[in-house]
């Protein structure tokens, strides 16, 4: 595949949840509302400042794929349904191949 074929704009939204149960719950809300076509999960370990202390915990990272039209709705739904007081919501503009782009937009 030629790099020039990766010219279709999509968004990758990254968030973390406390465990697989909460990650699956959040993913299912987004999927059932047809805001997204796909989520991947990854077990991670994070270190962070929280309430004046350095904390470390195991989390599940969600990598959420969506189109430009739904990115704001997805971010708002994450903020509304997330289990954390201050959820990580990072949106990254990415490029995809045409077939994957078409599939994302078919949902």
C-alpha atoms as a PDB file:
ATOM      1  CA  UNK A   1       0.000   0.000   0.000  1.00  0.00           C
ATOM      2  CA  UNK A   2       1.245   3.420  -0.948  1.00  0.00           C
ATOM      3  CA  UNK A   3       1.197   6.063   1.794  1.00  0.00           C
ATOM      4  CA  UNK A   4      -0.747   8.338  -0.554  1.00  0.00           C
ATOM      5  CA  UNK A   5      -3.691   5.929  -0.238  1.00  0.00           C
ATOM      6  CA  UNK A   6      -4.067   6.916   3.436  1.00  0.00           C
ATOM      7  CA  UNK A   7      -5.909  10.137   2.698  1.00  0.00           C
ATOM      8  CA  UNK A   8      -9.326   9.682   4.317  1.00  0.00           C
ATOM      9  CA  UNK A   9      -9.892  11.662   7.542  1.00  0.00           C
ATOM     10  CA  UNK A  10     -11.084   9.777  10.627  1.00  0.00           C
ATOM     11  CA  UNK A  11     -10.689  10.303  14.359  1.00  0.00           C
ATOM     12  CA  UNK A  12      -9.155   8.131  17.038  1.00  0.00           C
ATOM     13  CA  UNK A  13     -10.471   8.884  20.512  1.00  0.00           C
ATOM     14  CA  UNK A  14      -8.507   7.542  23.460  1.00  0.00           C
ATOM     15  CA  UNK A  15      -9.832   7.106  26.968  1.00  0.00           C
ATOM     16  CA  UNK A  16      -9.151   4.788  29.884  1.00  0.00           C
ATOM     17  CA  UNK A  17     -11.456   2.987  32.284  1.00  0.00           C
ATOM     18  CA  UNK A  18     -10.831   1.411  35.665  1.00  0.00           C
ATOM     19  CA  UNK A  19     -11.485  -2.149  34.426  1.00  0.00           C
ATOM     20  CA  UNK A  20     -12.779  -4.279  31.542  1.00  0.00           C
ATOM     21  CA  UNK A  21     -16.346  -4.223  32.874  1.00  0.00           C
ATOM     22  CA  UNK A  22     -16.535  -0.414  32.753  1.00  0.00           C
ATOM     23  CA  UNK A  23     -14.667  -0.289  29.444  1.00  0.00           C
ATOM     24  CA  UNK A  24     -17.127  -2.738  27.872  1.00  0.00           C
ATOM     25  CA  UNK A  25     -20.086  -0.841  29.291  1.00  0.00           C
ATOM     26  CA  UNK A  26     -18.863   2.433  27.786  1.00  0.00           C
ATOM     27  CA  UNK A  27     -18.033   0.783  24.455  1.00  0.00           C
ATOM     28  CA  UNK A  28     -21.470  -0.832  24.244  1.00  0.00           C
ATOM     29  CA  UNK A  29     -23.206   2.509  24.841  1.00  0.00           C
ATOM     30  CA  UNK A  30     -21.257   4.077  21.974  1.00  0.00           C
ATOM     31  CA  UNK A  31     -21.827   1.097  19.688  1.00  0.00           C
ATOM     32  CA  UNK A  32     -25.559   0.728  20.418  1.00  0.00           C
ATOM     33  CA  UNK A  33     -26.114   4.432  19.739  1.00  0.00           C
ATOM     34  CA  UNK A  34     -24.270   3.925  16.412  1.00  0.00           C
ATOM     35  CA  UNK A  35     -21.834   6.714  17.204  1.00  0.00           C
ATOM     36  CA  UNK A  36     -18.876   4.459  16.408  1.00  0.00           C
ATOM     37  CA  UNK A  37     -18.155   1.282  14.456  1.00  0.00           C
ATOM     38  CA  UNK A  38     -15.280  -0.119  16.502  1.00  0.00           C
ATOM     39  CA  UNK A  39     -13.400  -0.042  19.815  1.00  0.00           C
ATOM     40  CA  UNK A  40     -10.240  -1.863  20.807  1.00  0.00           C
ATOM     41  CA  UNK A  41      -9.173  -2.557  24.379  1.00  0.00           C
ATOM     42  CA  UNK A  42      -5.693  -2.779  25.848  1.00  0.00           C
ATOM     43  CA  UNK A  43      -4.646  -3.515  29.430  1.00  0.00           C
ATOM     44  CA  UNK A  44      -2.239  -0.819  30.599  1.00  0.00           C
ATOM     45  CA  UNK A  45      -0.633   0.509  33.760  1.00  0.00           C
ATOM     46  CA  UNK A  46      -0.641   4.249  34.405  1.00  0.00           C
ATOM     47  CA  UNK A  47       1.218   6.609  36.732  1.00  0.00           C
ATOM     48  CA  UNK A  48      -0.356  10.002  37.378  1.00  0.00           C
ATOM     49  CA  UNK A  49      -0.847  12.859  39.790  1.00  0.00           C
ATOM     50  CA  UNK A  50      -4.181  12.656  41.641  1.00  0.00           C
ATOM     51  CA  UNK A  51      -5.223  14.869  44.541  1.00  0.00           C
ATOM     52  CA  UNK A  52      -1.666  15.846  45.456  1.00  0.00           C
ATOM     53  CA  UNK A  53      -0.143  12.356  45.248  1.00  0.00           C
ATOM     54  CA  UNK A  54       1.496  10.233  42.607  1.00  0.00           C
ATOM     55  CA  UNK A  55      -0.726   7.231  41.938  1.00  0.00           C
ATOM     56  CA  UNK A  56      -0.268   4.080  39.914  1.00  0.00           C
ATOM     57  CA  UNK A  57      -3.022   1.763  38.731  1.00  0.00           C
ATOM     58  CA  UNK A  58      -3.985  -0.809  36.152  1.00  0.00           C
ATOM     59  CA  UNK A  59      -6.507   0.426  33.620  1.00  0.00           C
ATOM     60  CA  UNK A  60      -8.087  -0.538  30.321  1.00  0.00           C
ATOM     61  CA  UNK A  61      -7.383   1.788  27.423  1.00  0.00           C
ATOM     62  CA  UNK A  62     -10.087   2.212  24.806  1.00  0.00           C
ATOM     63  CA  UNK A  63      -9.098   3.200  21.275  1.00  0.00           C
ATOM     64  CA  UNK A  64     -12.300   4.378  19.666  1.00  0.00           C
ATOM     65  CA  UNK A  65     -12.590   4.948  15.929  1.00  0.00           C
ATOM     66  CA  UNK A  66     -15.144   7.392  14.559  1.00  0.00           C
ATOM     67  CA  UNK A  67     -15.905   9.733  11.701  1.00  0.00           C
ATOM     68  CA  UNK A  68     -15.680  13.505  11.788  1.00  0.00           C
ATOM     69  CA  UNK A  69     -19.454  13.929  12.046  1.00  0.00           C
ATOM     70  CA  UNK A  70     -19.650  11.973  15.323  1.00  0.00           C
ATOM     71  CA  UNK A  71     -16.475  13.030  17.124  1.00  0.00           C
ATOM     72  CA  UNK A  72     -18.162  15.681  19.310  1.00  0.00           C
ATOM     73  CA  UNK A  73     -21.077  13.394  20.170  1.00  0.00           C
ATOM     74  CA  UNK A  74     -18.679  10.587  21.084  1.00  0.00           C
ATOM     75  CA  UNK A  75     -16.604  12.852  23.336  1.00  0.00           C
ATOM     76  CA  UNK A  76     -19.737  14.210  25.020  1.00  0.00           C
ATOM     77  CA  UNK A  77     -21.130  10.707  25.578  1.00  0.00           C
ATOM     78  CA  UNK A  78     -17.819   9.560  27.100  1.00  0.00           C
ATOM     79  CA  UNK A  79     -17.870  12.524  29.489  1.00  0.00           C
ATOM     80  CA  UNK A  80     -21.491  11.759  30.419  1.00  0.00           C
ATOM     81  CA  UNK A  81     -21.100   8.000  30.987  1.00  0.00           C
ATOM     82  CA  UNK A  82     -17.516   7.621  32.225  1.00  0.00           C
ATOM     83  CA  UNK A  83     -16.784   6.152  35.650  1.00  0.00           C
ATOM     84  CA  UNK A  84     -13.939   8.600  36.406  1.00  0.00           C
ATOM     85  CA  UNK A  85     -14.403  12.022  37.967  1.00  0.00           C
ATOM     86  CA  UNK A  86     -12.100  13.478  35.294  1.00  0.00           C
ATOM     87  CA  UNK A  87     -11.973  11.112  32.319  1.00  0.00           C
ATOM     88  CA  UNK A  88      -9.176  11.179  29.787  1.00  0.00           C
ATOM     89  CA  UNK A  89     -10.683  12.129  26.428  1.00  0.00           C
ATOM     90  CA  UNK A  90      -8.102  12.608  23.700  1.00  0.00           C
ATOM     91  CA  UNK A  91      -9.147  13.062  20.084  1.00  0.00           C
ATOM     92  CA  UNK A  92      -6.587  12.576  17.332  1.00  0.00           C
ATOM     93  CA  UNK A  93      -7.198  13.267  13.650  1.00  0.00           C
ATOM     94  CA  UNK A  94      -5.868  10.318  11.634  1.00  0.00           C
ATOM     95  CA  UNK A  95      -5.742   9.167   8.031  1.00  0.00           C
ATOM     96  CA  UNK A  96      -7.126   5.862   6.837  1.00  0.00           C
ATOM     97  CA  UNK A  97      -7.414   3.947   3.611  1.00  0.00           C
ATOM     98  CA  UNK A  98     -10.584   4.367   1.562  1.00  0.00           C
ATOM     99  CA  UNK A  99     -12.066   0.919   2.309  1.00  0.00           C
ATOM    100  CA  UNK A 100     -11.716   1.357   6.074  1.00  0.00           C
ATOM    101  CA  UNK A 101     -13.031   4.931   5.855  1.00  0.00           C
ATOM    102  CA  UNK A 102     -16.066   3.734   3.914  1.00  0.00           C
ATOM    103  CA  UNK A 103     -16.724   1.014   6.498  1.00  0.00           C
ATOM    104  CA  UNK A 104     -16.494   3.491   9.406  1.00  0.00           C
ATOM    105  CA  UNK A 105     -18.975   5.756   7.642  1.00  0.00           C
ATOM    106  CA  UNK A 106     -21.364   2.913   6.822  1.00  0.00           C
ATOM    107  CA  UNK A 107     -22.353   2.444  10.483  1.00  0.00           C
END
